[in-house]
Protein backbone atom coordinates (compact mmCIF):
# COMPACT_ATOMS: atom_id res chain seq x y z
CA MET A 1 110.73 81.91 132.56
CA PHE A 2 108.67 82.87 129.59
CA GLU A 3 110.61 80.49 127.35
CA VAL A 4 109.81 77.63 129.74
CA LEU A 5 106.12 78.56 129.90
CA PHE A 6 105.77 79.12 126.22
CA SER A 7 107.24 75.64 125.51
CA SER A 8 104.50 74.04 127.59
CA ASP A 9 102.20 71.37 126.18
CA ASP A 10 99.31 73.08 127.68
CA ASP A 11 97.81 75.97 125.62
CA GLU A 12 96.03 77.29 128.69
CA VAL A 13 99.35 77.69 130.47
CA ILE A 14 100.75 79.59 127.45
CA ALA A 15 97.71 81.81 127.28
CA ASP A 16 97.98 82.63 131.07
CA ALA A 17 101.60 83.52 130.56
CA LEU A 18 100.80 85.83 127.68
CA TYR A 19 97.98 87.51 129.53
CA ALA A 20 100.31 88.05 132.67
CA TRP A 21 102.99 89.53 130.34
CA VAL A 22 100.62 91.80 128.37
CA MET A 23 99.33 93.28 131.74
CA ASP A 24 102.87 94.42 132.60
CA PRO A 25 102.88 98.14 131.76
CA TYR A 26 106.52 97.95 130.75
CA ARG A 27 106.26 94.52 128.97
CA THR A 28 109.85 93.64 129.88
CA ARG A 29 111.63 90.52 130.84
CA VAL A 30 115.11 89.98 132.30
CA VAL A 31 117.59 88.58 129.84
CA GLY A 32 120.57 88.85 132.05
CA PRO A 33 121.68 90.40 135.39
CA HIS A 34 119.81 93.82 135.52
CA GLN A 35 119.13 93.61 131.82
CA PRO A 36 115.31 94.08 131.23
CA ARG A 37 114.32 93.77 127.64
CA ARG A 38 111.14 94.94 125.90
CA THR A 39 109.27 91.98 124.44
CA THR A 40 108.06 92.42 120.87
CA ILE A 41 105.75 90.21 118.83
CA GLY A 42 108.86 88.90 117.01
CA LEU A 43 110.46 87.80 120.18
CA CYS A 44 107.11 86.43 121.41
CA ALA A 45 107.00 84.38 118.18
CA ARG A 46 110.42 83.09 118.76
CA ASP A 47 109.47 81.98 122.36
CA LEU A 48 106.47 80.21 120.99
CA ALA A 49 108.64 78.28 118.47
CA GLY A 50 108.33 74.99 120.45
CA ARG A 51 104.47 75.32 120.36
CA VAL A 52 104.43 76.23 116.71
CA GLU A 53 106.68 73.30 115.80
CA ARG A 54 104.23 70.83 117.12
CA GLY A 55 101.92 71.94 114.30
CA ALA A 56 98.59 71.34 116.08
CA PRO A 57 96.04 74.14 115.90
CA PHE A 58 96.08 76.70 118.69
CA SER A 59 93.30 76.28 121.20
CA PRO A 60 90.53 78.94 120.69
CA ARG A 61 91.61 80.80 123.82
CA LEU A 62 95.34 80.83 122.76
CA GLN A 63 94.31 81.95 119.32
CA ARG A 64 92.26 84.82 120.80
CA THR A 65 95.16 85.69 123.26
CA ILE A 66 97.87 85.82 120.57
CA VAL A 67 95.75 88.16 118.47
CA HIS A 68 95.09 90.33 121.43
CA VAL A 69 98.83 90.52 122.32
CA ILE A 70 99.77 91.37 118.69
CA GLU A 71 97.28 94.25 118.74
CA CYS A 72 98.53 95.40 122.15
CA VAL A 73 102.27 95.16 121.76
CA TRP A 74 103.27 95.53 118.17
CA PHE A 75 105.73 98.52 118.02
CA GLY A 76 106.64 98.96 114.42
CA ASP A 77 108.93 97.55 111.78
CA SER A 78 112.21 98.31 113.75
CA GLU A 79 110.97 95.93 116.53
CA VAL A 80 110.23 93.18 114.03
CA ALA A 81 113.54 93.49 112.15
CA GLY A 82 115.48 90.26 112.13
CA LEU A 83 112.53 88.20 113.40
CA GLU A 84 110.31 88.23 110.33
CA LEU A 85 110.68 84.42 109.81
CA GLU A 86 109.50 83.76 113.36
CA THR A 87 106.68 86.15 112.91
CA ALA A 88 105.67 84.52 109.60
CA ARG A 89 105.69 81.09 111.20
CA LEU A 90 103.43 82.39 114.02
CA LEU A 91 101.02 83.96 111.42
CA ASN A 92 100.91 80.45 109.82
CA HIS A 93 99.29 79.11 112.85
CA LEU A 94 96.76 81.83 113.37
CA ASP A 95 93.25 81.89 111.87
CA LEU A 96 92.98 85.57 111.09
CA ARG A 97 89.89 87.11 109.63
CA VAL A 98 89.63 90.70 108.55
CA GLY A 99 86.20 91.14 110.30
CA GLY A 100 87.79 89.96 113.59
CA MET A 101 90.59 92.51 113.53
CA LYS A 102 90.23 95.31 116.03
CA TYR A 103 93.22 97.41 114.67
CA LYS A 104 93.42 96.64 111.00
CA ASN A 105 96.22 99.19 110.48
CA ILE A 106 98.55 97.19 112.83
CA TRP A 107 97.88 93.86 110.89
CA TYR A 108 98.36 95.72 107.65
CA GLN A 109 101.74 97.14 108.56
CA LEU A 110 102.94 93.96 110.27
CA ILE A 111 102.23 91.84 107.21
CA ILE A 112 104.00 94.42 104.98
CA ASP A 113 106.99 94.36 107.18
CA VAL A 114 107.16 90.59 107.04
CA ILE A 115 106.91 90.64 103.27
CA ARG A 116 109.80 93.05 102.90
CA SER A 117 112.12 90.54 104.41
CA PRO A 118 112.97 87.75 101.91
CA THR A 119 112.94 85.10 104.61
CA GLY A 120 109.60 86.38 106.09
CA ARG A 121 108.09 86.68 102.64
CA GLU A 122 108.89 82.98 101.82
CA GLY A 123 107.34 81.81 105.07
CA LEU A 124 104.23 84.01 105.05
CA PRO A 125 101.06 81.95 104.52
CA THR A 126 99.09 82.64 101.44
CA TYR A 127 95.94 83.65 103.45
CA CYS A 128 97.89 86.61 104.76
CA TRP A 129 98.61 87.86 101.32
CA HIS A 130 94.86 87.78 100.66
CA ILE A 131 94.24 89.69 103.94
CA LEU A 132 96.81 92.26 102.78
CA GLY A 133 95.03 92.54 99.50
CA THR A 134 91.69 93.26 101.21
CA LEU A 135 93.16 95.72 103.68
CA SER A 136 95.04 97.55 100.99
CA LEU A 137 91.74 98.80 99.57
CA THR A 138 90.92 100.85 102.63
CA MET A 139 94.28 101.50 104.49
CA PRO A 140 96.24 104.63 103.69
CA VAL A 141 99.67 103.66 102.16
CA PHE A 142 102.62 105.91 102.48
CA SER A 143 105.40 103.64 101.32
CA TYR A 144 106.07 100.86 98.99
CA ASP A 145 108.89 98.51 97.96
CA ILE A 146 109.48 98.03 94.33
CA GLY A 147 112.17 95.48 95.15
CA VAL A 148 109.47 93.09 96.47
CA MET A 149 107.62 93.69 93.10
CA ARG A 150 110.76 92.68 91.14
CA SER A 151 111.42 89.58 93.18
CA LEU A 152 107.84 88.34 92.68
CA VAL A 153 108.14 88.95 88.90
CA ASP A 154 111.39 87.09 88.89
CA ALA A 155 109.72 84.17 90.86
CA GLU A 156 106.78 84.35 88.51
CA ASP A 157 104.51 84.33 91.63
CA TRP A 158 101.62 86.12 89.98
CA GLU A 159 99.07 85.58 92.71
CA LYS A 160 101.21 87.31 95.35
CA LEU A 161 102.38 89.85 92.75
CA GLU A 162 98.70 90.96 92.27
CA VAL A 163 98.40 91.72 95.90
CA TRP A 164 101.65 93.59 96.10
CA THR A 165 100.96 95.54 92.91
CA LEU A 166 97.74 96.79 94.51
CA VAL A 167 99.86 97.93 97.48
CA VAL A 168 102.30 99.72 95.22
CA TRP A 169 99.66 101.52 93.08
CA HIS A 170 97.81 102.57 96.32
CA SER A 171 100.93 104.10 97.75
CA THR A 172 101.23 107.86 97.73
CA PRO A 173 104.94 108.76 97.61
CA PRO A 174 106.15 111.02 94.77
CA TRP A 175 107.16 108.91 91.81
CA SER A 176 109.62 109.87 89.14
CA GLU A 177 108.64 109.14 85.61
CA GLU A 178 111.38 106.53 85.43
CA ARG A 179 110.15 104.76 88.44
CA LEU A 180 106.51 104.98 87.28
CA GLU A 181 107.51 103.42 83.93
CA ASP A 182 109.31 100.52 85.74
CA ILE A 183 106.25 99.91 87.89
CA GLY A 184 104.08 100.04 84.78
CA GLN A 185 106.19 97.40 82.95
CA MET A 186 105.87 95.00 85.84
CA THR A 187 102.13 95.60 86.07
CA LEU A 188 101.79 94.91 82.33
CA LYS A 189 103.62 91.65 82.79
CA LEU A 190 101.29 90.75 85.70
CA PHE A 191 98.26 91.39 83.57
CA GLN A 192 99.51 89.25 80.68
CA ARG A 193 100.28 86.42 83.02
CA LEU A 194 97.21 86.73 85.16
CA PRO A 195 94.46 88.33 83.02
CA SER A 196 91.95 88.13 85.82
CA ALA A 197 93.89 90.88 87.60
CA ILE A 198 92.86 93.38 84.88
CA SER A 199 89.22 93.56 85.95
CA THR A 200 90.41 94.10 89.62
CA PHE A 201 92.37 97.16 88.75
CA GLU A 202 89.75 98.47 86.23
CA SER A 203 86.99 98.32 88.87
CA LEU A 204 89.14 100.18 91.44
CA TYR A 205 90.35 102.98 89.10
CA LYS A 206 87.64 103.53 86.46
CA GLY A 207 85.44 105.54 88.94
CA GLY A 208 88.31 107.17 90.65
CA THR A 209 89.41 110.83 90.55
CA LYS A 210 91.22 111.82 87.45
CA SER A 211 95.03 111.80 87.92
CA THR A 212 98.19 110.83 86.14
CA LYS A 213 98.44 107.57 88.09
CA ARG A 214 94.83 106.62 87.32
CA ASP A 215 95.24 107.28 83.62
CA LYS A 216 98.39 105.27 83.60
CA ILE A 217 96.95 102.18 85.21
CA LEU A 218 93.93 102.33 82.93
CA ARG A 219 96.20 102.60 79.84
CA ILE A 220 98.08 99.54 81.05
CA CYS A 221 94.75 97.67 81.48
CA ASN A 222 93.68 98.55 77.87
CA ARG A 223 97.02 97.51 76.48
CA ALA A 224 96.94 94.20 78.31
CA ARG A 225 93.58 93.41 76.70
CA VAL A 226 95.10 93.75 73.18
CA ASN A 227 95.66 90.30 71.62
CA GLY A 228 99.28 89.46 70.85
CA LEU A 229 100.75 92.35 73.02
CA PRO A 230 104.53 91.72 73.59
CA LEU A 231 105.72 91.09 77.17
CA VAL A 232 107.61 94.36 77.15
CA SER A 233 105.88 97.41 75.60
CA PRO A 234 108.18 100.29 74.55
CA SER A 235 105.78 102.86 75.77
CA LEU A 236 102.96 102.89 78.33
């Protein structure tokens, strides 16, 4: 039934269906005889595929409803797994603003989970990367993915790499010296290719509490400002 309603040409019908569903305390639907299934935002995005493919902007009410549903029913990365592309396509049709987010931590983690998937990362709209960069300055980060950093370096996607590098440096897991050196080399390459990123990191870390990580990033900033610095420095 939800698939039929979500494929409607009437955004008001879709919004009504979403509201009815989100009011269900179990948020389930029947996918077969006696087989209720919890509906996640990824599955919801897949059901909305027909509406998304039409490409027309969501009506204001449907926009508000989808944002409300995401904040109500997002259950974590295990629920989004395998549906990152559908979620990215849905985000492509939303007009998100940091100031309008009620639960910023949910959006922060949702965007990170989509980025960690190669298919989701490729489909994620640029504005969501900028939202992530803004949120990364205030959200506590307990994990990072250096693999994403490497893939962005290989793709020479410096604008997105700047955002993800902020996420990596703001993360708090214990880093080995080898891993920190690897992160430092990729950060140096970012600064050489996108010099404007140097000021961003300097402004964030110059006034911070003294630490090994802070000293490391500031040394990288200083080295990146040296004219003629090779792309790979033997020592950071």
